[in-house]
Structures are given as structure tokens and as C-alpha cells.
N, C-alpha and C. Protein backbone atom coordinates (compact mmCIF):
# COMPACT_ATOMS: atom_id res chain seq x y z
N MET A 1 69.98 -73.43 -34.58
CA MET A 1 69.39 -72.29 -33.93
C MET A 1 70.37 -71.10 -34.06
N ILE A 2 71.74 -71.43 -33.89
CA ILE A 2 72.63 -70.32 -34.04
C ILE A 2 72.61 -69.68 -35.43
N SER A 3 72.24 -70.49 -36.51
CA SER A 3 72.22 -70.11 -37.84
C SER A 3 71.24 -68.96 -38.19
N LEU A 4 70.35 -68.70 -37.21
CA LEU A 4 69.36 -67.68 -37.39
C LEU A 4 70.01 -66.27 -37.43
N TYR A 5 71.16 -66.24 -36.83
CA TYR A 5 72.00 -64.95 -37.00
C TYR A 5 72.64 -64.92 -38.27
N ILE A 6 72.43 -63.70 -38.94
CA ILE A 6 72.98 -63.50 -40.25
C ILE A 6 74.20 -62.50 -40.11
N PRO A 7 75.36 -62.94 -40.18
CA PRO A 7 76.44 -61.94 -39.99
C PRO A 7 76.47 -60.84 -41.01
N GLY A 8 76.94 -59.70 -40.57
CA GLY A 8 76.98 -58.58 -41.47
C GLY A 8 77.74 -57.35 -40.73
N ASN A 9 77.93 -56.32 -41.46
CA ASN A 9 78.62 -55.13 -40.94
C ASN A 9 77.73 -53.90 -41.06
N SER A 10 76.43 -54.12 -41.09
CA SER A 10 75.60 -52.98 -41.27
C SER A 10 75.49 -52.11 -39.99
N PRO A 11 74.99 -50.88 -40.11
CA PRO A 11 74.73 -50.18 -38.84
C PRO A 11 73.89 -50.79 -37.83
N ILE A 12 72.92 -51.62 -38.26
CA ILE A 12 72.06 -52.31 -37.30
C ILE A 12 72.86 -53.47 -36.69
N HIS A 13 73.73 -54.12 -37.42
CA HIS A 13 74.45 -55.19 -36.79
C HIS A 13 75.43 -54.56 -35.81
N ARG A 14 75.98 -53.42 -35.98
CA ARG A 14 77.00 -52.80 -35.08
C ARG A 14 76.36 -52.19 -33.84
N LEU A 15 75.04 -51.99 -33.91
CA LEU A 15 74.42 -51.44 -32.61
C LEU A 15 74.45 -52.45 -31.49
N PRO A 16 74.71 -51.95 -30.23
CA PRO A 16 74.78 -52.83 -29.05
C PRO A 16 73.41 -53.64 -28.95
N VAL A 17 73.49 -54.87 -28.60
CA VAL A 17 72.30 -55.75 -28.50
C VAL A 17 71.32 -55.09 -27.54
N GLY A 18 71.82 -54.53 -26.45
CA GLY A 18 70.94 -53.98 -25.51
C GLY A 18 70.01 -52.83 -26.05
N VAL A 19 70.60 -52.04 -26.91
CA VAL A 19 69.93 -51.04 -27.58
C VAL A 19 68.91 -51.44 -28.55
N LYS A 20 69.29 -52.60 -29.25
CA LYS A 20 68.26 -53.26 -30.10
C LYS A 20 67.13 -53.82 -29.40
N LEU A 21 67.40 -54.41 -28.31
CA LEU A 21 66.26 -55.02 -27.55
C LEU A 21 65.40 -53.97 -27.04
N LEU A 22 65.93 -52.84 -26.42
CA LEU A 22 65.15 -51.77 -25.87
C LEU A 22 64.38 -51.15 -27.04
N ALA A 23 65.01 -51.05 -28.17
CA ALA A 23 64.33 -50.29 -29.26
C ALA A 23 63.09 -51.25 -29.79
N CYS A 24 63.30 -52.55 -29.72
CA CYS A 24 62.31 -53.46 -30.19
C CYS A 24 61.11 -53.40 -29.11
N LEU A 25 61.47 -53.33 -27.84
CA LEU A 25 60.48 -53.25 -26.83
C LEU A 25 59.65 -51.96 -26.89
N ALA A 26 60.36 -50.83 -27.13
CA ALA A 26 59.71 -49.49 -27.24
C ALA A 26 58.83 -49.41 -28.46
N GLY A 27 59.42 -49.94 -29.65
CA GLY A 27 58.63 -50.04 -30.89
C GLY A 27 57.43 -50.79 -30.76
N SER A 28 57.51 -51.93 -30.19
CA SER A 28 56.33 -52.94 -29.92
C SER A 28 55.24 -52.20 -29.09
N ALA A 29 55.71 -51.50 -27.98
CA ALA A 29 54.74 -50.81 -27.11
C ALA A 29 54.07 -49.67 -27.89
N ALA A 30 54.86 -48.88 -28.69
CA ALA A 30 54.28 -47.83 -29.50
C ALA A 30 53.30 -48.30 -30.46
N LEU A 31 53.54 -49.43 -31.14
CA LEU A 31 52.67 -50.00 -32.19
C LEU A 31 51.24 -50.40 -31.45
N ALA A 32 51.24 -50.68 -30.17
CA ALA A 32 49.98 -51.10 -29.56
C ALA A 32 49.14 -49.88 -29.39
N PHE A 33 49.67 -48.64 -29.49
CA PHE A 33 48.76 -47.43 -29.45
C PHE A 33 48.46 -46.80 -30.75
N VAL A 34 48.94 -47.35 -31.82
CA VAL A 34 48.61 -46.76 -33.14
C VAL A 34 47.25 -47.42 -33.56
N HIS A 35 46.37 -46.52 -33.98
CA HIS A 35 45.00 -46.97 -34.28
C HIS A 35 44.64 -46.56 -35.68
N SER A 36 45.63 -46.26 -36.48
CA SER A 36 45.32 -45.94 -37.99
C SER A 36 45.99 -46.90 -38.78
N PRO A 37 45.28 -47.56 -39.76
CA PRO A 37 45.76 -48.57 -40.64
C PRO A 37 46.96 -47.94 -41.49
N TRP A 38 46.74 -46.61 -41.83
CA TRP A 38 47.76 -45.95 -42.66
C TRP A 38 49.06 -45.86 -41.84
N MET A 39 48.97 -45.47 -40.59
CA MET A 39 50.22 -45.29 -39.75
C MET A 39 50.80 -46.67 -39.56
N LEU A 40 50.04 -47.72 -39.42
CA LEU A 40 50.55 -49.09 -39.25
C LEU A 40 51.23 -49.63 -40.60
N ALA A 41 50.65 -49.21 -41.67
CA ALA A 41 51.29 -49.46 -42.95
C ALA A 41 52.66 -48.77 -43.06
N ALA A 42 52.59 -47.52 -42.70
CA ALA A 42 53.85 -46.79 -42.70
C ALA A 42 54.91 -47.38 -41.83
N CYS A 43 54.54 -47.91 -40.67
CA CYS A 43 55.44 -48.51 -39.69
C CYS A 43 56.02 -49.84 -40.37
N LEU A 44 55.24 -50.53 -41.03
CA LEU A 44 55.69 -51.72 -41.75
C LEU A 44 56.58 -51.43 -42.88
N ILE A 45 56.39 -50.32 -43.62
CA ILE A 45 57.32 -49.89 -44.61
C ILE A 45 58.69 -49.52 -43.95
N LEU A 46 58.60 -48.81 -42.87
CA LEU A 46 59.73 -48.39 -42.08
C LEU A 46 60.60 -49.69 -41.69
N ILE A 47 59.92 -50.64 -41.13
CA ILE A 47 60.54 -51.94 -40.68
C ILE A 47 61.23 -52.63 -41.92
N ALA A 48 60.48 -52.62 -42.95
CA ALA A 48 61.05 -53.27 -44.16
C ALA A 48 62.37 -52.54 -44.67
N GLY A 49 62.33 -51.19 -44.43
CA GLY A 49 63.48 -50.42 -44.75
C GLY A 49 64.62 -50.73 -43.87
N LEU A 50 64.28 -50.96 -42.56
CA LEU A 50 65.42 -51.43 -41.69
C LEU A 50 66.05 -52.76 -42.11
N TYR A 51 65.25 -53.63 -42.66
CA TYR A 51 65.77 -54.96 -43.28
C TYR A 51 66.74 -54.63 -44.37
N VAL A 52 66.44 -53.72 -45.20
CA VAL A 52 67.29 -53.26 -46.27
C VAL A 52 68.54 -52.68 -45.76
N VAL A 53 68.47 -51.80 -44.73
CA VAL A 53 69.66 -51.17 -44.17
C VAL A 53 70.56 -52.32 -43.57
N ALA A 54 69.92 -53.27 -42.95
CA ALA A 54 70.74 -54.42 -42.36
C ALA A 54 71.41 -55.23 -43.33
N GLY A 55 71.06 -55.15 -44.62
CA GLY A 55 71.59 -55.97 -45.77
C GLY A 55 71.07 -57.48 -45.65
N LEU A 56 69.89 -57.72 -45.04
CA LEU A 56 69.46 -59.02 -44.89
C LEU A 56 69.02 -59.62 -46.29
N PRO A 57 69.01 -60.92 -46.40
CA PRO A 57 68.43 -61.48 -47.70
C PRO A 57 67.05 -61.08 -47.97
N SER A 58 66.56 -61.01 -49.19
CA SER A 58 65.33 -60.63 -49.62
C SER A 58 64.23 -61.43 -49.09
N ASN A 59 64.52 -62.76 -48.70
CA ASN A 59 63.57 -63.67 -48.41
C ASN A 59 63.52 -63.81 -46.86
N ALA A 60 64.30 -62.94 -46.14
CA ALA A 60 64.28 -63.14 -44.67
C ALA A 60 62.95 -62.85 -44.05
N ALA A 61 62.32 -61.82 -44.41
CA ALA A 61 61.09 -61.50 -43.89
C ALA A 61 60.02 -62.54 -44.20
N GLN A 62 60.03 -63.00 -45.45
CA GLN A 62 59.12 -64.01 -45.97
C GLN A 62 59.28 -65.32 -45.08
N LEU A 63 60.48 -65.72 -44.91
CA LEU A 63 60.68 -66.93 -44.18
C LEU A 63 60.24 -66.78 -42.68
N THR A 64 60.27 -65.52 -42.17
CA THR A 64 59.89 -65.30 -40.79
C THR A 64 58.29 -65.34 -40.73
N LEU A 65 57.65 -64.89 -41.75
CA LEU A 65 56.24 -64.70 -41.61
C LEU A 65 55.44 -65.97 -42.06
N ARG A 66 56.06 -66.75 -42.97
CA ARG A 66 55.40 -67.88 -43.53
C ARG A 66 54.78 -68.90 -42.44
N PRO A 67 55.48 -69.26 -41.37
CA PRO A 67 54.89 -70.15 -40.40
C PRO A 67 53.67 -69.49 -39.72
N LEU A 68 53.57 -68.09 -39.71
CA LEU A 68 52.52 -67.49 -39.05
C LEU A 68 51.19 -67.27 -39.85
N ILE A 69 51.40 -67.59 -41.18
CA ILE A 69 50.18 -67.32 -42.00
C ILE A 69 48.88 -68.04 -41.56
N PRO A 70 48.89 -69.28 -41.14
CA PRO A 70 47.55 -69.84 -40.64
C PRO A 70 47.06 -69.12 -39.53
N LEU A 71 47.94 -68.79 -38.47
CA LEU A 71 47.46 -68.06 -37.33
C LEU A 71 46.93 -66.69 -37.69
N VAL A 72 47.60 -65.96 -38.54
CA VAL A 72 47.28 -64.64 -38.86
C VAL A 72 45.88 -64.69 -39.58
N CYS A 73 45.74 -65.68 -40.53
CA CYS A 73 44.40 -65.84 -41.23
C CYS A 73 43.23 -66.04 -40.23
N ILE A 74 43.53 -66.88 -39.29
CA ILE A 74 42.40 -67.18 -38.33
C ILE A 74 42.02 -65.90 -37.50
N ILE A 75 43.14 -65.20 -37.10
CA ILE A 75 42.78 -63.85 -36.39
C ILE A 75 42.16 -62.90 -37.29
N PHE A 76 42.61 -62.81 -38.53
CA PHE A 76 41.99 -61.81 -39.41
C PHE A 76 40.43 -62.18 -39.67
N ILE A 77 40.17 -63.49 -39.89
CA ILE A 77 38.74 -63.85 -40.09
C ILE A 77 37.94 -63.57 -38.90
N ALA A 78 38.45 -63.92 -37.64
CA ALA A 78 37.76 -63.67 -36.47
C ALA A 78 37.49 -62.22 -36.15
N GLN A 79 38.48 -61.41 -36.63
CA GLN A 79 38.30 -59.93 -36.49
C GLN A 79 37.24 -59.32 -37.39
N VAL A 80 37.20 -59.88 -38.63
CA VAL A 80 36.26 -59.45 -39.58
C VAL A 80 34.86 -59.81 -39.13
N LEU A 81 34.67 -60.99 -38.56
CA LEU A 81 33.38 -61.51 -38.08
C LEU A 81 32.85 -60.72 -36.98
N PHE A 82 33.75 -60.35 -36.05
CA PHE A 82 33.29 -59.81 -34.79
C PHE A 82 33.49 -58.29 -34.64
N GLU A 83 34.50 -57.72 -35.40
CA GLU A 83 34.84 -56.38 -35.27
C GLU A 83 34.59 -55.56 -36.55
N GLY A 84 34.86 -56.28 -37.72
CA GLY A 84 34.80 -55.51 -39.01
C GLY A 84 36.11 -55.51 -39.72
N TRP A 85 36.09 -55.01 -40.97
CA TRP A 85 37.26 -55.13 -41.81
C TRP A 85 38.37 -54.28 -41.22
N LEU A 86 38.11 -53.08 -40.84
CA LEU A 86 39.21 -52.13 -40.44
C LEU A 86 40.00 -52.71 -39.27
N PRO A 87 39.36 -53.09 -38.17
CA PRO A 87 40.04 -53.75 -36.98
C PRO A 87 40.89 -54.98 -37.50
N ALA A 88 40.27 -55.75 -38.41
CA ALA A 88 41.02 -56.95 -38.91
C ALA A 88 42.30 -56.59 -39.60
N VAL A 89 42.28 -55.51 -40.41
CA VAL A 89 43.56 -55.06 -41.10
C VAL A 89 44.48 -54.54 -40.22
N MET A 90 44.02 -53.84 -39.22
CA MET A 90 44.98 -53.23 -38.22
C MET A 90 45.63 -54.30 -37.33
N ALA A 91 44.81 -55.25 -36.93
CA ALA A 91 45.32 -56.40 -36.15
C ALA A 91 46.45 -57.23 -36.92
N THR A 92 46.14 -57.30 -38.23
CA THR A 92 47.05 -58.18 -39.05
C THR A 92 48.40 -57.33 -39.20
N LEU A 93 48.19 -56.06 -39.51
CA LEU A 93 49.47 -55.22 -39.65
C LEU A 93 50.23 -55.10 -38.39
N ARG A 94 49.56 -55.04 -37.26
CA ARG A 94 50.25 -54.90 -36.04
C ARG A 94 51.01 -56.26 -35.68
N ILE A 95 50.48 -57.36 -35.91
CA ILE A 95 51.16 -58.62 -35.60
C ILE A 95 52.36 -58.75 -36.53
N VAL A 96 52.27 -58.37 -37.90
CA VAL A 96 53.34 -58.56 -38.76
C VAL A 96 54.45 -57.59 -38.32
N CYS A 97 54.19 -56.40 -37.90
CA CYS A 97 55.15 -55.54 -37.44
C CYS A 97 55.88 -56.00 -36.14
N PHE A 98 55.09 -56.60 -35.22
CA PHE A 98 55.67 -57.13 -34.00
C PHE A 98 56.69 -58.21 -34.37
N VAL A 99 56.27 -59.17 -35.25
CA VAL A 99 57.12 -60.27 -35.59
C VAL A 99 58.33 -59.89 -36.34
N LEU A 100 58.22 -58.93 -37.23
CA LEU A 100 59.36 -58.55 -37.96
C LEU A 100 60.38 -57.81 -37.11
N LEU A 101 59.85 -57.00 -36.21
CA LEU A 101 60.77 -56.21 -35.30
C LEU A 101 61.62 -57.21 -34.52
N ALA A 102 60.96 -58.21 -33.90
CA ALA A 102 61.67 -59.18 -33.07
C ALA A 102 62.67 -60.02 -34.00
N ALA A 103 62.16 -60.36 -35.15
CA ALA A 103 63.17 -61.15 -36.02
C ALA A 103 64.37 -60.38 -36.44
N LEU A 104 64.15 -59.00 -36.63
CA LEU A 104 65.23 -58.20 -37.06
C LEU A 104 66.27 -58.25 -35.89
N VAL A 105 65.91 -58.20 -34.63
CA VAL A 105 66.88 -58.35 -33.61
C VAL A 105 67.70 -59.69 -33.66
N THR A 106 66.85 -60.74 -33.87
CA THR A 106 67.37 -62.08 -34.02
C THR A 106 68.36 -62.19 -35.07
N PHE A 107 68.05 -61.67 -36.29
CA PHE A 107 68.91 -61.81 -37.41
C PHE A 107 70.15 -61.07 -37.35
N THR A 108 70.22 -59.97 -36.59
CA THR A 108 71.37 -59.15 -36.45
C THR A 108 72.20 -59.21 -35.16
N SER A 109 71.85 -60.19 -34.30
CA SER A 109 72.40 -60.26 -33.09
C SER A 109 72.88 -61.69 -32.78
N SER A 110 74.19 -61.96 -32.58
CA SER A 110 74.54 -63.24 -32.17
C SER A 110 74.08 -63.72 -30.84
N LEU A 111 73.89 -65.05 -30.62
CA LEU A 111 73.36 -65.53 -29.36
C LEU A 111 74.28 -65.09 -28.16
N SER A 112 75.63 -65.14 -28.32
CA SER A 112 76.42 -64.83 -27.16
C SER A 112 76.28 -63.43 -26.84
N ARG A 113 76.13 -62.48 -27.79
CA ARG A 113 75.95 -61.09 -27.38
C ARG A 113 74.52 -60.81 -26.71
N MET A 114 73.61 -61.61 -27.18
CA MET A 114 72.23 -61.37 -26.53
C MET A 114 72.38 -61.87 -25.13
N ILE A 115 73.02 -63.02 -24.87
CA ILE A 115 73.19 -63.45 -23.52
C ILE A 115 73.88 -62.46 -22.63
N GLU A 116 74.98 -61.87 -23.18
CA GLU A 116 75.71 -60.75 -22.45
C GLU A 116 74.83 -59.67 -22.06
N ALA A 117 74.03 -59.24 -22.99
CA ALA A 117 73.20 -58.00 -22.81
C ALA A 117 72.13 -58.29 -21.75
N VAL A 118 71.46 -59.48 -21.86
CA VAL A 118 70.40 -59.72 -20.80
C VAL A 118 71.14 -59.94 -19.48
N THR A 119 72.29 -60.54 -19.45
CA THR A 119 73.01 -60.80 -18.19
C THR A 119 73.30 -59.50 -17.57
N ARG A 120 73.77 -58.44 -18.27
CA ARG A 120 74.18 -57.25 -17.67
C ARG A 120 72.86 -56.57 -17.10
N VAL A 121 71.80 -56.54 -17.85
CA VAL A 121 70.57 -55.95 -17.26
C VAL A 121 70.13 -56.64 -15.99
N ALA A 122 70.23 -57.92 -15.92
CA ALA A 122 69.72 -58.80 -14.89
C ALA A 122 70.60 -58.79 -13.62
N ARG A 123 71.79 -58.15 -13.75
CA ARG A 123 72.76 -58.20 -12.55
C ARG A 123 72.09 -57.72 -11.21
N PRO A 124 71.30 -56.70 -11.23
CA PRO A 124 70.74 -56.22 -10.04
C PRO A 124 69.81 -57.26 -9.34
N LEU A 125 69.29 -58.22 -10.10
CA LEU A 125 68.38 -59.29 -9.52
C LEU A 125 69.19 -60.22 -8.77
N GLU A 126 70.51 -60.24 -8.74
CA GLU A 126 71.33 -61.25 -8.11
C GLU A 126 71.23 -61.13 -6.54
N ARG A 127 70.87 -59.90 -6.07
CA ARG A 127 70.70 -59.68 -4.71
C ARG A 127 69.43 -60.45 -4.15
N PHE A 128 68.54 -60.80 -4.99
CA PHE A 128 67.36 -61.51 -4.70
C PHE A 128 67.60 -63.09 -4.83
N GLY A 129 68.83 -63.46 -5.22
CA GLY A 129 69.13 -64.91 -5.35
C GLY A 129 68.98 -65.46 -6.72
N MET A 130 68.74 -64.53 -7.65
CA MET A 130 68.57 -65.04 -9.10
C MET A 130 69.91 -64.92 -9.81
N SER A 131 70.14 -65.93 -10.62
CA SER A 131 71.39 -65.98 -11.43
C SER A 131 71.25 -65.22 -12.61
N ALA A 132 72.05 -64.17 -12.86
CA ALA A 132 71.96 -63.33 -14.09
C ALA A 132 72.40 -64.08 -15.35
N PRO A 133 73.51 -64.85 -15.27
CA PRO A 133 73.94 -65.57 -16.46
C PRO A 133 72.83 -66.56 -16.87
N LYS A 134 72.24 -67.27 -15.91
CA LYS A 134 71.29 -68.32 -16.27
C LYS A 134 69.99 -67.57 -16.84
N LEU A 135 69.65 -66.47 -16.30
CA LEU A 135 68.45 -65.71 -16.81
C LEU A 135 68.77 -65.28 -18.30
N GLY A 136 69.94 -64.76 -18.44
CA GLY A 136 70.35 -64.37 -19.77
C GLY A 136 70.24 -65.43 -20.83
N LEU A 137 70.79 -66.64 -20.41
CA LEU A 137 70.81 -67.73 -21.33
C LEU A 137 69.38 -68.11 -21.61
N ALA A 138 68.50 -68.18 -20.58
CA ALA A 138 67.03 -68.60 -20.75
C ALA A 138 66.32 -67.73 -21.66
N ILE A 139 66.48 -66.38 -21.51
CA ILE A 139 65.80 -65.42 -22.35
C ILE A 139 66.30 -65.49 -23.79
N ALA A 140 67.60 -65.55 -23.96
CA ALA A 140 68.20 -65.60 -25.27
C ALA A 140 67.81 -66.83 -26.04
N LEU A 141 67.73 -67.93 -25.33
CA LEU A 141 67.28 -69.20 -25.95
C LEU A 141 65.92 -69.18 -26.35
N THR A 142 65.06 -68.61 -25.51
CA THR A 142 63.65 -68.46 -25.83
C THR A 142 63.46 -67.61 -27.03
N ILE A 143 64.16 -66.47 -27.20
CA ILE A 143 63.99 -65.62 -28.39
C ILE A 143 64.42 -66.49 -29.63
N ARG A 144 65.40 -67.32 -29.47
CA ARG A 144 65.89 -68.08 -30.64
C ARG A 144 65.06 -69.33 -31.00
N PHE A 145 64.51 -69.91 -29.86
CA PHE A 145 63.93 -71.20 -29.98
C PHE A 145 62.65 -71.19 -30.93
N VAL A 146 61.86 -70.23 -30.77
CA VAL A 146 60.56 -70.15 -31.46
C VAL A 146 60.86 -70.12 -33.06
N PRO A 147 61.68 -69.22 -33.57
CA PRO A 147 61.99 -69.26 -34.91
C PRO A 147 62.65 -70.46 -35.43
N ALA A 148 63.58 -71.01 -34.54
CA ALA A 148 64.18 -72.32 -34.91
C ALA A 148 63.09 -73.42 -35.04
N LEU A 149 62.10 -73.52 -34.21
CA LEU A 149 61.15 -74.55 -34.39
C LEU A 149 60.36 -74.33 -35.59
N ALA A 150 60.01 -73.05 -35.96
CA ALA A 150 59.32 -72.75 -37.25
C ALA A 150 60.12 -73.25 -38.49
N LYS A 151 61.47 -73.01 -38.40
CA LYS A 151 62.40 -73.42 -39.50
C LYS A 151 62.39 -75.00 -39.65
N ASP A 152 62.37 -75.65 -38.43
CA ASP A 152 62.36 -77.11 -38.49
C ASP A 152 61.06 -77.64 -39.07
N TRP A 153 59.89 -77.01 -38.66
CA TRP A 153 58.64 -77.40 -39.31
C TRP A 153 58.66 -77.23 -40.77
N ARG A 154 59.18 -76.12 -41.24
CA ARG A 154 59.25 -76.03 -42.69
C ARG A 154 60.06 -76.99 -43.31
N ASP A 155 61.21 -77.39 -42.72
CA ASP A 155 62.07 -78.47 -43.29
C ASP A 155 61.35 -79.78 -43.24
N VAL A 156 60.64 -80.10 -42.22
CA VAL A 156 59.82 -81.40 -42.19
C VAL A 156 58.84 -81.34 -43.28
N GLU A 157 58.02 -80.22 -43.47
CA GLU A 157 57.04 -80.24 -44.42
C GLU A 157 57.65 -80.36 -45.83
N SER A 158 58.77 -79.71 -46.09
CA SER A 158 59.44 -79.78 -47.37
C SER A 158 59.85 -81.18 -47.63
N ALA A 159 60.43 -81.95 -46.61
CA ALA A 159 60.76 -83.26 -46.79
C ALA A 159 59.56 -84.14 -47.09
N ARG A 160 58.46 -83.96 -46.51
CA ARG A 160 57.31 -84.72 -46.78
C ARG A 160 56.69 -84.37 -48.16
N ALA A 161 56.81 -83.25 -48.60
CA ALA A 161 56.38 -82.87 -49.90
C ALA A 161 57.29 -83.53 -50.97
N ALA A 162 58.57 -83.58 -50.67
CA ALA A 162 59.50 -84.18 -51.58
C ALA A 162 59.27 -85.71 -51.71
N ARG A 163 58.51 -86.29 -50.68
CA ARG A 163 58.29 -87.81 -50.74
C ARG A 163 56.82 -88.05 -51.25
N GLY A 164 56.16 -86.94 -51.74
CA GLY A 164 54.88 -87.20 -52.29
C GLY A 164 53.74 -86.82 -51.54
N ALA A 165 53.84 -86.17 -50.31
CA ALA A 165 52.78 -85.80 -49.54
C ALA A 165 52.10 -84.54 -50.23
N GLU A 166 50.81 -84.59 -50.41
CA GLU A 166 50.08 -83.64 -51.19
C GLU A 166 49.59 -82.43 -50.26
N ARG A 167 49.46 -82.65 -48.94
CA ARG A 167 49.00 -81.66 -48.09
C ARG A 167 49.54 -81.73 -46.70
N ARG A 168 49.43 -80.74 -45.94
CA ARG A 168 49.98 -80.73 -44.60
C ARG A 168 49.15 -81.50 -43.70
N SER A 169 49.75 -82.18 -42.61
CA SER A 169 49.08 -82.98 -41.71
C SER A 169 49.95 -83.01 -40.39
N PHE A 170 49.30 -83.61 -39.38
CA PHE A 170 50.03 -83.79 -38.14
C PHE A 170 51.06 -84.91 -38.06
N LEU A 171 51.18 -85.57 -39.22
CA LEU A 171 52.21 -86.47 -39.40
C LEU A 171 53.66 -86.00 -39.10
N GLY A 172 53.74 -84.65 -39.40
CA GLY A 172 55.05 -84.13 -39.40
C GLY A 172 55.43 -83.80 -37.89
N VAL A 173 54.48 -83.98 -36.98
CA VAL A 173 54.83 -83.72 -35.54
C VAL A 173 55.92 -84.66 -35.05
N GLY A 174 55.77 -85.85 -35.44
CA GLY A 174 56.84 -86.92 -34.89
C GLY A 174 58.18 -86.51 -35.18
N PRO A 175 58.53 -86.30 -36.50
CA PRO A 175 59.98 -85.89 -36.75
C PRO A 175 60.33 -84.52 -36.12
N LEU A 176 59.33 -83.60 -35.99
CA LEU A 176 59.67 -82.42 -35.26
C LEU A 176 60.08 -82.65 -33.83
N ILE A 177 59.34 -83.49 -33.14
CA ILE A 177 59.59 -83.79 -31.72
C ILE A 177 60.97 -84.34 -31.65
N LEU A 178 61.39 -85.29 -32.66
CA LEU A 178 62.70 -85.79 -32.62
C LEU A 178 63.74 -84.86 -32.74
N ARG A 179 63.59 -83.81 -33.61
CA ARG A 179 64.46 -82.71 -33.82
C ARG A 179 64.61 -81.80 -32.60
N ILE A 180 63.42 -81.71 -31.87
CA ILE A 180 63.43 -80.88 -30.58
C ILE A 180 64.28 -81.61 -29.49
N LEU A 181 64.14 -82.97 -29.48
CA LEU A 181 64.94 -83.77 -28.48
C LEU A 181 66.39 -83.73 -28.80
N CYS A 182 66.77 -83.85 -30.07
CA CYS A 182 68.15 -83.73 -30.50
C CYS A 182 68.73 -82.38 -30.12
N MET A 183 67.90 -81.35 -30.43
CA MET A 183 68.29 -79.93 -30.22
C MET A 183 68.57 -79.74 -28.68
N THR A 184 67.65 -80.35 -27.80
CA THR A 184 67.69 -80.24 -26.45
C THR A 184 68.93 -80.82 -25.86
N ASN A 185 69.31 -82.08 -26.44
CA ASN A 185 70.56 -82.79 -26.02
C ASN A 185 71.83 -81.92 -26.35
N VAL A 186 71.80 -81.29 -27.55
CA VAL A 186 72.94 -80.51 -27.94
C VAL A 186 73.13 -79.30 -27.06
N LEU A 187 71.91 -78.65 -26.79
CA LEU A 187 71.95 -77.44 -25.88
C LEU A 187 72.42 -77.88 -24.53
N GLY A 188 71.96 -79.01 -24.06
CA GLY A 188 72.33 -79.36 -22.64
C GLY A 188 73.84 -79.69 -22.64
N ASP A 189 74.39 -80.28 -23.66
CA ASP A 189 75.89 -80.48 -23.62
C ASP A 189 76.64 -79.20 -23.71
N ALA A 190 76.12 -78.22 -24.51
CA ALA A 190 76.75 -76.93 -24.69
C ALA A 190 76.77 -76.19 -23.45
N ILE A 191 75.56 -76.21 -22.60
CA ILE A 191 75.48 -75.49 -21.43
C ILE A 191 76.41 -76.08 -20.33
N ALA A 192 76.50 -77.50 -20.36
CA ALA A 192 77.26 -78.17 -19.36
C ALA A 192 78.77 -77.88 -19.63
N SER A 193 79.20 -77.83 -20.89
CA SER A 193 80.58 -77.64 -21.18
C SER A 193 80.93 -76.22 -20.80
N ARG A 194 80.02 -75.27 -20.64
CA ARG A 194 80.35 -73.94 -20.20
C ARG A 194 80.23 -73.69 -18.75
N ASP A 195 79.87 -74.76 -18.05
CA ASP A 195 79.79 -74.78 -16.53
C ASP A 195 78.82 -73.76 -16.07
N PHE A 196 77.60 -73.68 -16.69
CA PHE A 196 76.54 -72.70 -16.36
C PHE A 196 76.00 -73.00 -14.95
N GLU A 197 76.01 -74.31 -14.52
CA GLU A 197 75.46 -74.67 -13.26
C GLU A 197 76.15 -74.00 -12.15
N SER A 198 77.41 -73.69 -12.34
CA SER A 198 78.23 -73.00 -11.17
C SER A 198 78.21 -71.64 -11.21
N ARG A 199 77.46 -71.02 -12.23
CA ARG A 199 77.44 -69.51 -12.26
C ARG A 199 76.23 -68.98 -11.54
N ARG A 200 76.42 -67.82 -10.95
CA ARG A 200 75.39 -67.11 -10.23
C ARG A 200 75.16 -65.71 -10.89
């Protein structure tokens, strides 16, 4: 999970994590109000340019989007059937932009800095009995966990293909569950070693 962070010294890497999270939130909110396919396409090109500025590998965006292809295809077909081609194209572009924006933050921010940023923002909630460090850990792990599961699924499917499987099936769910359980044990040990239970 930690390996999703790609170290670098780009301007985007050097930005404070809080700024990146706020920019991602603001950008996602702004995309929801864009109703022109050309503007959405321009936003996608702009996000792709940010990946170049960040110095990320050329396949970073591809690896991020690949697990979403079946879901995006279903949404696209449903939109075409019920709304038409134009809304379908706009919905697809909007989803791709959302995912790439979130992934950009994940690729350029270490987990420890994400936890620190969320913890600072959540400090005022401590007066209501909420633990800011635990909330920061939970949110940071949530952001990391979904891409990590997608990567694990790709690894399982690649291993099945290497053993002669000709198509995807739900047989890969078993190994994926085992990976999740192992990951959960490792995370539990890491959290316990940092004494998060005693933090407020």
C-alpha cells in the first residue's frame, strides 16, 4: 500500500499535502458543474499535464484507470440508453477526471504526511470526543486502500493468466481475500507498534 507513493522532487511533490487535498476537493466540486464535453476534455488534458509536471511514470494513469474500465463501460452504456451520447461522454470524462485527480494526490503524497495533514484539520473535533490521530489514520488508509486493492486484483489476474486462465472469473476473489487478510494483519501490527490506541 505504501508503494503507491512515487517519490519525487517535483513542484507537486513539494506542495503541502493539505493544499493538494483541498485542491483535489475543489477541483472535483468544480468538475461537477462543468456541462460541456469540450471543457471536460480540456480539464482531462490539464490533469494529464499535472502528471507530466509531477514526473510520474507514463503508465501511472493507465494503471489507475484500468480496474475501472468495466464500471465505466457499464455507466457509459447506461447513459447512452437512457440519456444519449453526449451525457454518456460527459459522465465518462467526469469520472476519469475525478479518479486521476485523487490518484495524483496519492502518487505524490506519502502516507505519513497524509495522516499529519488530516490530523491537523481534525484537531477542532477533539472537543467533541473524537481522536484526530485516529481519524487521520482512517481517512489516509481509506484513500490508499482502494487503489491497493485494485493493484492486488491485477496481480491475481496476471498470476491466473500466467497459469493458463483464458478469461477473468470470480475464482480470483479467494486469493484477493487472503491478501486483504494479510494486509489487515500487517496494518494492525503497524498501528499497535505506534500506540495509536492511546492517542486522542
